[in-house]
């Protein structure tokens, strides 16, 4: 059985450890001390977003994070699926599909007008999962600017 629960402050160590493993897949840098501080700030302000832990048989097997943005174009609050991670030994068992369905159920509950996400080019399994669950390739190009 798959279950979801909102991240609590005493679980930050657990989710930070999973985040380290997730970032290691693509060699993303991570500072665990900063990450833990950011999680404290994040869960203290519900306007920033939400993080859920994913359980199967009472074992934490992953997490996902929605971050909130206000958009005039979309007439209200939208969200960015910032991360969806499932531990490697639990991948390929349908947990991702159940998680995506749970996330989609949150859209009206959180009064979201739109949900964005990004997927690495090489992550074909994730792309197939999202496309099979009514996500569409966005017709805009995502750009970024990192202040000096």
N, C-alpha and C. Protein backbone atom coordinates (compact mmCIF):
# COMPACT_ATOMS: atom_id res chain seq x y z
N UNK A 1 0.83 -1.18 0.00
CA UNK A 1 0.00 0.00 0.00
C UNK A 1 0.88 1.25 0.00
N UNK A 2 0.53 2.21 -0.82
CA UNK A 2 1.27 3.47 -0.92
C UNK A 2 0.52 4.53 -0.12
N UNK A 3 1.26 5.31 0.66
CA UNK A 3 0.67 6.40 1.45
C UNK A 3 1.57 7.63 1.34
N UNK A 4 1.00 8.78 1.66
CA UNK A 4 1.72 10.04 1.58
C UNK A 4 1.47 10.81 2.87
N UNK A 5 2.51 11.50 3.35
CA UNK A 5 2.32 12.37 4.51
C UNK A 5 3.21 13.60 4.36
N UNK A 6 2.70 14.73 4.84
CA UNK A 6 3.45 15.97 4.78
C UNK A 6 4.72 15.86 5.61
N UNK A 7 5.77 16.44 5.10
CA UNK A 7 7.06 16.43 5.80
C UNK A 7 6.95 17.18 7.12
N UNK A 8 7.46 16.57 8.17
CA UNK A 8 7.52 17.19 9.50
C UNK A 8 8.99 17.54 9.80
N UNK A 9 9.19 18.47 10.70
CA UNK A 9 10.55 18.95 10.98
C UNK A 9 11.48 17.83 11.47
N UNK A 10 10.94 16.84 12.17
CA UNK A 10 11.80 15.75 12.65
C UNK A 10 12.16 14.75 11.55
N UNK A 11 11.67 14.98 10.32
CA UNK A 11 11.97 14.10 9.19
C UNK A 11 12.91 14.76 8.17
N UNK A 12 13.38 15.95 8.49
CA UNK A 12 14.25 16.68 7.56
C UNK A 12 15.53 15.91 7.28
N UNK A 13 16.09 15.28 8.26
CA UNK A 13 17.31 14.48 8.05
C UNK A 13 17.07 13.38 7.02
N UNK A 14 15.92 12.73 7.10
CA UNK A 14 15.59 11.63 6.19
C UNK A 14 15.46 12.14 4.76
N UNK A 15 14.69 13.21 4.57
CA UNK A 15 14.47 13.72 3.22
C UNK A 15 15.75 14.34 2.66
N UNK A 16 16.56 14.94 3.50
CA UNK A 16 17.84 15.51 3.03
C UNK A 16 18.77 14.42 2.52
N UNK A 17 18.77 13.29 3.19
CA UNK A 17 19.58 12.15 2.76
C UNK A 17 19.11 11.63 1.40
N UNK A 18 17.78 11.53 1.22
CA UNK A 18 17.26 11.10 -0.07
C UNK A 18 17.61 12.12 -1.15
N UNK A 19 17.55 13.40 -0.80
CA UNK A 19 17.87 14.44 -1.76
C UNK A 19 19.33 14.34 -2.21
N UNK A 20 20.21 14.02 -1.29
CA UNK A 20 21.62 13.81 -1.66
C UNK A 20 21.74 12.71 -2.70
N UNK A 21 21.02 11.60 -2.49
CA UNK A 21 21.05 10.49 -3.44
C UNK A 21 20.47 10.89 -4.79
N UNK A 22 19.39 11.67 -4.75
CA UNK A 22 18.76 12.14 -5.98
C UNK A 22 19.71 13.04 -6.76
N UNK A 23 20.34 13.97 -6.09
CA UNK A 23 21.25 14.91 -6.75
C UNK A 23 22.49 14.20 -7.30
N UNK A 24 22.90 13.13 -6.65
CA UNK A 24 24.08 12.39 -7.10
C UNK A 24 23.87 11.75 -8.47
N UNK A 25 22.62 11.46 -8.82
CA UNK A 25 22.34 10.83 -10.12
C UNK A 25 22.89 11.68 -11.26
N UNK A 26 22.71 12.98 -11.17
CA UNK A 26 23.17 13.88 -12.23
C UNK A 26 24.31 14.78 -11.79
N UNK A 27 24.96 14.42 -10.71
CA UNK A 27 26.11 15.16 -10.18
C UNK A 27 25.77 16.62 -9.86
N UNK A 28 24.57 16.86 -9.34
CA UNK A 28 24.20 18.20 -8.91
C UNK A 28 24.87 18.49 -7.57
N UNK A 29 25.35 19.69 -7.39
CA UNK A 29 25.95 20.02 -6.08
C UNK A 29 24.86 20.15 -5.02
N UNK A 30 25.21 19.78 -3.81
CA UNK A 30 24.27 19.93 -2.70
C UNK A 30 25.07 20.18 -1.43
N UNK A 31 24.62 21.12 -0.65
CA UNK A 31 25.19 21.39 0.66
C UNK A 31 24.13 20.99 1.67
N UNK A 32 24.32 19.87 2.32
CA UNK A 32 23.30 19.30 3.19
C UNK A 32 22.94 20.24 4.34
N UNK A 33 23.90 20.97 4.86
CA UNK A 33 23.60 21.90 5.95
C UNK A 33 22.64 22.99 5.47
N UNK A 34 22.90 23.55 4.30
CA UNK A 34 22.02 24.56 3.74
C UNK A 34 20.65 23.95 3.42
N UNK A 35 20.65 22.74 2.87
CA UNK A 35 19.40 22.06 2.54
C UNK A 35 18.51 21.90 3.77
N UNK A 36 19.10 21.50 4.88
CA UNK A 36 18.31 21.32 6.11
C UNK A 36 17.74 22.64 6.60
N UNK A 37 18.51 23.71 6.49
CA UNK A 37 18.02 25.03 6.87
C UNK A 37 16.88 25.46 5.94
N UNK A 38 17.03 25.21 4.65
CA UNK A 38 15.99 25.55 3.70
C UNK A 38 14.70 24.78 3.98
N UNK A 39 14.83 23.51 4.35
CA UNK A 39 13.64 22.72 4.69
C UNK A 39 12.92 23.30 5.90
N UNK A 40 13.67 23.77 6.89
CA UNK A 40 13.03 24.39 8.06
C UNK A 40 12.22 25.60 7.63
N UNK A 41 12.80 26.44 6.80
CA UNK A 41 12.11 27.63 6.29
C UNK A 41 10.90 27.23 5.45
N UNK A 42 11.09 26.22 4.61
CA UNK A 42 10.05 25.79 3.68
C UNK A 42 8.82 25.26 4.40
N UNK A 43 9.02 24.39 5.37
CA UNK A 43 7.85 23.81 6.04
C UNK A 43 7.22 24.77 7.04
N UNK A 44 7.93 25.82 7.41
CA UNK A 44 7.37 26.82 8.33
C UNK A 44 6.43 27.79 7.62
N UNK A 45 6.53 27.89 6.29
CA UNK A 45 5.71 28.84 5.54
C UNK A 45 4.95 28.09 4.45
N UNK A 46 3.69 27.79 4.70
CA UNK A 46 2.89 27.01 3.75
C UNK A 46 2.68 27.73 2.42
N UNK A 47 2.98 29.02 2.35
CA UNK A 47 2.87 29.75 1.08
C UNK A 47 4.01 29.43 0.12
N UNK A 48 5.07 28.82 0.62
CA UNK A 48 6.19 28.45 -0.24
C UNK A 48 5.92 27.17 -1.02
N UNK A 49 5.17 26.26 -0.42
CA UNK A 49 4.89 24.99 -1.08
C UNK A 49 4.68 23.90 -0.07
N UNK A 50 4.76 22.66 -0.56
CA UNK A 50 4.56 21.49 0.30
C UNK A 50 5.52 20.38 -0.11
N UNK A 51 5.91 19.60 0.87
CA UNK A 51 6.72 18.41 0.64
C UNK A 51 6.01 17.23 1.28
N UNK A 52 5.90 16.14 0.53
CA UNK A 52 5.31 14.91 1.05
C UNK A 52 6.35 13.79 1.00
N UNK A 53 6.29 12.93 1.98
CA UNK A 53 7.05 11.69 1.96
C UNK A 53 6.16 10.61 1.38
N UNK A 54 6.77 9.68 0.67
CA UNK A 54 6.06 8.56 0.05
C UNK A 54 6.41 7.30 0.84
N UNK A 55 5.38 6.59 1.26
CA UNK A 55 5.55 5.36 2.05
C UNK A 55 5.00 4.16 1.30
N UNK A 56 5.64 3.04 1.48
CA UNK A 56 5.06 1.76 1.11
C UNK A 56 5.32 0.81 2.26
N UNK A 57 4.29 0.18 2.73
CA UNK A 57 4.38 -0.72 3.89
C UNK A 57 5.10 -0.06 5.06
N UNK A 58 4.73 1.18 5.35
CA UNK A 58 5.27 1.98 6.46
C UNK A 58 6.76 2.31 6.32
N UNK A 59 7.33 2.10 5.15
CA UNK A 59 8.74 2.45 4.89
C UNK A 59 8.75 3.68 3.98
N UNK A 60 9.58 4.66 4.30
CA UNK A 60 9.73 5.83 3.44
C UNK A 60 10.55 5.43 2.22
N UNK A 61 9.94 5.61 1.04
CA UNK A 61 10.59 5.18 -0.20
C UNK A 61 10.85 6.34 -1.15
N UNK A 62 10.43 7.55 -0.78
CA UNK A 62 10.66 8.69 -1.65
C UNK A 62 10.00 9.93 -1.11
N UNK A 63 10.04 10.96 -1.94
CA UNK A 63 9.44 12.24 -1.57
C UNK A 63 9.14 13.03 -2.83
N UNK A 64 8.31 14.05 -2.68
CA UNK A 64 8.15 15.02 -3.75
C UNK A 64 7.87 16.39 -3.13
N UNK A 65 8.22 17.40 -3.91
CA UNK A 65 8.11 18.79 -3.45
C UNK A 65 7.37 19.61 -4.51
N UNK A 66 6.33 20.32 -4.07
CA UNK A 66 5.67 21.32 -4.90
C UNK A 66 6.05 22.69 -4.36
N UNK A 67 6.52 23.58 -5.23
CA UNK A 67 6.78 24.95 -4.82
C UNK A 67 5.76 25.84 -5.51
N UNK A 68 5.30 26.87 -4.82
CA UNK A 68 4.23 27.72 -5.32
C UNK A 68 4.75 29.02 -5.91
N UNK A 69 4.04 29.47 -6.94
CA UNK A 69 4.35 30.71 -7.65
C UNK A 69 3.01 31.38 -7.95
N UNK A 70 2.97 32.70 -7.94
CA UNK A 70 1.76 33.40 -8.35
C UNK A 70 1.94 33.87 -9.78
N UNK A 71 0.95 33.60 -10.62
CA UNK A 71 1.05 33.95 -12.04
C UNK A 71 -0.16 34.76 -12.48
N UNK A 72 0.10 35.94 -13.04
CA UNK A 72 -0.99 36.71 -13.62
C UNK A 72 -1.48 36.05 -14.91
N UNK A 73 -0.53 35.49 -15.66
CA UNK A 73 -0.90 34.84 -16.92
C UNK A 73 -1.92 33.72 -16.68
N UNK A 74 -1.70 32.93 -15.63
CA UNK A 74 -2.58 31.80 -15.36
C UNK A 74 -3.65 32.12 -14.32
N UNK A 75 -3.71 33.38 -13.90
CA UNK A 75 -4.77 33.90 -13.03
C UNK A 75 -4.77 33.30 -11.63
N UNK A 76 -3.60 33.17 -11.06
CA UNK A 76 -3.53 32.70 -9.69
C UNK A 76 -2.29 31.87 -9.41
N UNK A 77 -2.43 31.04 -8.40
CA UNK A 77 -1.30 30.25 -7.93
C UNK A 77 -1.07 29.06 -8.84
N UNK A 78 0.19 28.88 -9.21
CA UNK A 78 0.62 27.70 -9.95
C UNK A 78 1.70 27.03 -9.12
N UNK A 79 2.05 25.84 -9.50
CA UNK A 79 3.08 25.12 -8.75
C UNK A 79 4.11 24.55 -9.70
N UNK A 80 5.27 24.32 -9.14
CA UNK A 80 6.36 23.68 -9.85
C UNK A 80 6.65 22.39 -9.10
N UNK A 81 6.56 21.27 -9.80
CA UNK A 81 6.95 20.00 -9.18
C UNK A 81 8.47 20.01 -9.18
N UNK A 82 9.01 20.51 -8.09
CA UNK A 82 10.46 20.75 -7.99
C UNK A 82 11.23 19.44 -7.97
N UNK A 83 10.69 18.45 -7.28
CA UNK A 83 11.38 17.16 -7.20
C UNK A 83 10.38 16.05 -6.96
N UNK A 84 10.64 14.92 -7.60
CA UNK A 84 9.96 13.66 -7.32
C UNK A 84 11.04 12.60 -7.34
N UNK A 85 11.26 12.00 -6.19
CA UNK A 85 12.33 11.00 -6.06
C UNK A 85 11.78 9.75 -5.42
N UNK A 86 12.14 8.61 -6.01
CA UNK A 86 11.81 7.31 -5.45
C UNK A 86 13.12 6.52 -5.38
N UNK A 87 13.37 5.96 -4.21
CA UNK A 87 14.60 5.19 -4.02
C UNK A 87 14.72 4.12 -5.11
N UNK A 88 15.95 3.90 -5.55
CA UNK A 88 16.21 3.02 -6.69
C UNK A 88 15.58 1.64 -6.53
N UNK A 89 15.69 1.04 -5.36
CA UNK A 89 15.16 -0.32 -5.19
C UNK A 89 13.63 -0.38 -5.25
N UNK A 90 12.97 0.78 -5.22
CA UNK A 90 11.51 0.83 -5.28
C UNK A 90 11.01 1.35 -6.62
N UNK A 91 11.92 1.67 -7.53
CA UNK A 91 11.52 2.16 -8.85
C UNK A 91 11.00 1.01 -9.70
N UNK A 92 10.15 1.35 -10.66
CA UNK A 92 9.62 0.33 -11.57
C UNK A 92 8.51 -0.50 -10.97
N UNK A 93 7.94 -0.07 -9.85
CA UNK A 93 6.88 -0.82 -9.17
C UNK A 93 5.54 -0.08 -9.17
N UNK A 94 5.44 0.98 -9.96
CA UNK A 94 4.20 1.73 -10.05
C UNK A 94 4.04 2.83 -9.01
N UNK A 95 5.04 3.02 -8.17
CA UNK A 95 4.95 4.05 -7.12
C UNK A 95 4.93 5.44 -7.74
N UNK A 96 5.72 5.65 -8.78
CA UNK A 96 5.75 6.95 -9.45
C UNK A 96 4.39 7.31 -10.02
N UNK A 97 3.73 6.36 -10.63
CA UNK A 97 2.39 6.60 -11.19
C UNK A 97 1.40 6.96 -10.09
N UNK A 98 1.45 6.25 -8.98
CA UNK A 98 0.55 6.55 -7.86
C UNK A 98 0.87 7.93 -7.30
N UNK A 99 2.15 8.27 -7.21
CA UNK A 99 2.55 9.59 -6.71
C UNK A 99 2.05 10.69 -7.64
N UNK A 100 2.20 10.50 -8.94
CA UNK A 100 1.74 11.51 -9.90
C UNK A 100 0.22 11.69 -9.78
N UNK A 101 -0.51 10.61 -9.63
CA UNK A 101 -1.96 10.72 -9.45
C UNK A 101 -2.30 11.47 -8.17
N UNK A 102 -1.56 11.21 -7.09
CA UNK A 102 -1.77 11.93 -5.83
C UNK A 102 -1.49 13.43 -6.03
N UNK A 103 -0.42 13.73 -6.73
CA UNK A 103 -0.07 15.12 -7.00
C UNK A 103 -1.19 15.79 -7.79
N UNK A 104 -1.70 15.13 -8.81
CA UNK A 104 -2.78 15.70 -9.60
C UNK A 104 -4.04 15.92 -8.75
N UNK A 105 -4.28 15.06 -7.78
CA UNK A 105 -5.42 15.25 -6.87
C UNK A 105 -5.25 16.49 -6.00
N UNK A 106 -4.01 16.90 -5.76
CA UNK A 106 -3.75 18.07 -4.93
C UNK A 106 -4.03 19.38 -5.66
N UNK A 107 -4.05 19.35 -6.99
CA UNK A 107 -4.21 20.57 -7.78
C UNK A 107 -5.47 21.35 -7.37
N UNK A 108 -6.65 20.74 -7.37
CA UNK A 108 -7.83 21.53 -6.94
C UNK A 108 -7.81 21.83 -5.44
N UNK A 109 -7.30 20.92 -4.64
CA UNK A 109 -7.26 21.14 -3.19
C UNK A 109 -6.39 22.34 -2.82
N UNK A 110 -5.35 22.58 -3.61
CA UNK A 110 -4.43 23.69 -3.36
C UNK A 110 -4.75 24.91 -4.22
N UNK A 111 -5.86 24.85 -4.93
CA UNK A 111 -6.31 25.94 -5.81
C UNK A 111 -5.24 26.32 -6.84
N UNK A 112 -4.63 25.32 -7.43
CA UNK A 112 -3.60 25.56 -8.43
C UNK A 112 -4.22 25.68 -9.81
N UNK A 113 -3.68 26.59 -10.59
CA UNK A 113 -4.16 26.80 -11.95
C UNK A 113 -3.36 26.00 -12.97
N UNK A 114 -2.15 25.60 -12.59
CA UNK A 114 -1.25 24.91 -13.50
C UNK A 114 -0.14 24.25 -12.69
N UNK A 115 0.40 23.16 -13.23
CA UNK A 115 1.53 22.49 -12.61
C UNK A 115 2.62 22.32 -13.65
N UNK A 116 3.77 22.87 -13.34
CA UNK A 116 4.96 22.74 -14.20
C UNK A 116 5.91 21.70 -13.60
N UNK A 117 6.75 21.16 -14.46
CA UNK A 117 7.87 20.33 -14.00
C UNK A 117 8.92 20.33 -15.09
N UNK A 118 10.12 19.90 -14.72
CA UNK A 118 11.17 19.71 -15.71
C UNK A 118 11.77 18.34 -15.52
N UNK A 119 12.23 17.77 -16.63
CA UNK A 119 12.78 16.42 -16.61
C UNK A 119 14.10 16.44 -17.38
N UNK A 120 15.07 15.76 -16.84
CA UNK A 120 16.36 15.65 -17.54
C UNK A 120 16.14 14.93 -18.87
N UNK A 121 16.88 15.36 -19.89
CA UNK A 121 16.76 14.77 -21.23
C UNK A 121 16.97 13.26 -21.22
N UNK A 122 17.90 12.80 -20.40
CA UNK A 122 18.24 11.37 -20.39
C UNK A 122 17.24 10.52 -19.61
N UNK A 123 16.36 11.14 -18.83
CA UNK A 123 15.45 10.39 -17.97
C UNK A 123 14.17 10.03 -18.74
N UNK A 124 14.31 9.08 -19.63
CA UNK A 124 13.20 8.68 -20.48
C UNK A 124 12.05 8.05 -19.69
N UNK A 125 12.36 7.32 -18.63
CA UNK A 125 11.29 6.71 -17.83
C UNK A 125 10.40 7.78 -17.21
N UNK A 126 11.01 8.83 -16.67
CA UNK A 126 10.22 9.90 -16.07
C UNK A 126 9.40 10.61 -17.15
N UNK A 127 10.00 10.85 -18.30
CA UNK A 127 9.26 11.51 -19.38
C UNK A 127 8.04 10.69 -19.78
N UNK A 128 8.21 9.38 -19.90
CA UNK A 128 7.08 8.50 -20.26
C UNK A 128 6.01 8.53 -19.18
N UNK A 129 6.43 8.54 -17.92
CA UNK A 129 5.48 8.59 -16.80
C UNK A 129 4.63 9.85 -16.88
N UNK A 130 5.26 10.99 -17.04
CA UNK A 130 4.53 12.25 -17.06
C UNK A 130 3.64 12.36 -18.30
N UNK A 131 4.17 12.01 -19.46
CA UNK A 131 3.37 12.10 -20.68
C UNK A 131 2.16 11.17 -20.64
N UNK A 132 2.31 10.00 -20.01
CA UNK A 132 1.20 9.06 -19.88
C UNK A 132 0.17 9.54 -18.85
N UNK A 133 0.51 10.57 -18.08
CA UNK A 133 -0.39 11.09 -17.05
C UNK A 133 -0.82 12.52 -17.33
N UNK A 134 -1.04 12.81 -18.62
CA UNK A 134 -1.65 14.06 -19.07
C UNK A 134 -0.77 15.29 -18.97
N UNK A 135 0.52 15.12 -18.77
CA UNK A 135 1.43 16.26 -18.88
C UNK A 135 1.78 16.40 -20.36
N UNK A 136 2.10 17.61 -20.76
CA UNK A 136 2.44 17.87 -22.16
C UNK A 136 3.76 18.62 -22.23
N UNK A 137 4.44 18.43 -23.32
CA UNK A 137 5.68 19.17 -23.53
C UNK A 137 5.32 20.64 -23.70
N UNK A 138 5.97 21.47 -22.95
CA UNK A 138 5.67 22.90 -22.97
C UNK A 138 6.27 23.52 -24.21
N UNK A 139 5.54 24.43 -24.83
CA UNK A 139 6.02 25.01 -26.08
C UNK A 139 6.94 26.21 -25.87
N UNK A 140 7.35 26.43 -24.63
CA UNK A 140 8.28 27.52 -24.34
C UNK A 140 9.63 26.95 -23.92
N UNK A 141 10.62 27.77 -24.03
CA UNK A 141 11.96 27.35 -23.63
C UNK A 141 12.23 27.88 -22.23
N UNK A 142 12.66 27.01 -21.34
CA UNK A 142 12.99 27.38 -19.97
C UNK A 142 14.40 27.96 -19.94
N UNK A 143 14.51 29.18 -19.46
CA UNK A 143 15.80 29.86 -19.32
C UNK A 143 16.05 30.14 -17.85
N UNK A 144 17.27 30.40 -17.49
CA UNK A 144 17.57 30.74 -16.10
C UNK A 144 18.61 31.86 -16.04
N UNK A 145 18.58 32.59 -14.95
CA UNK A 145 19.55 33.63 -14.69
C UNK A 145 19.97 33.45 -13.23
N UNK A 146 21.24 33.29 -13.03
CA UNK A 146 21.76 33.15 -11.67
C UNK A 146 22.47 34.43 -11.31
N UNK A 147 21.94 35.17 -10.32
CA UNK A 147 22.61 36.41 -9.91
C UNK A 147 24.04 36.16 -9.47
N UNK A 148 24.89 37.15 -9.69
CA UNK A 148 26.32 37.02 -9.31
C UNK A 148 26.50 36.99 -7.83
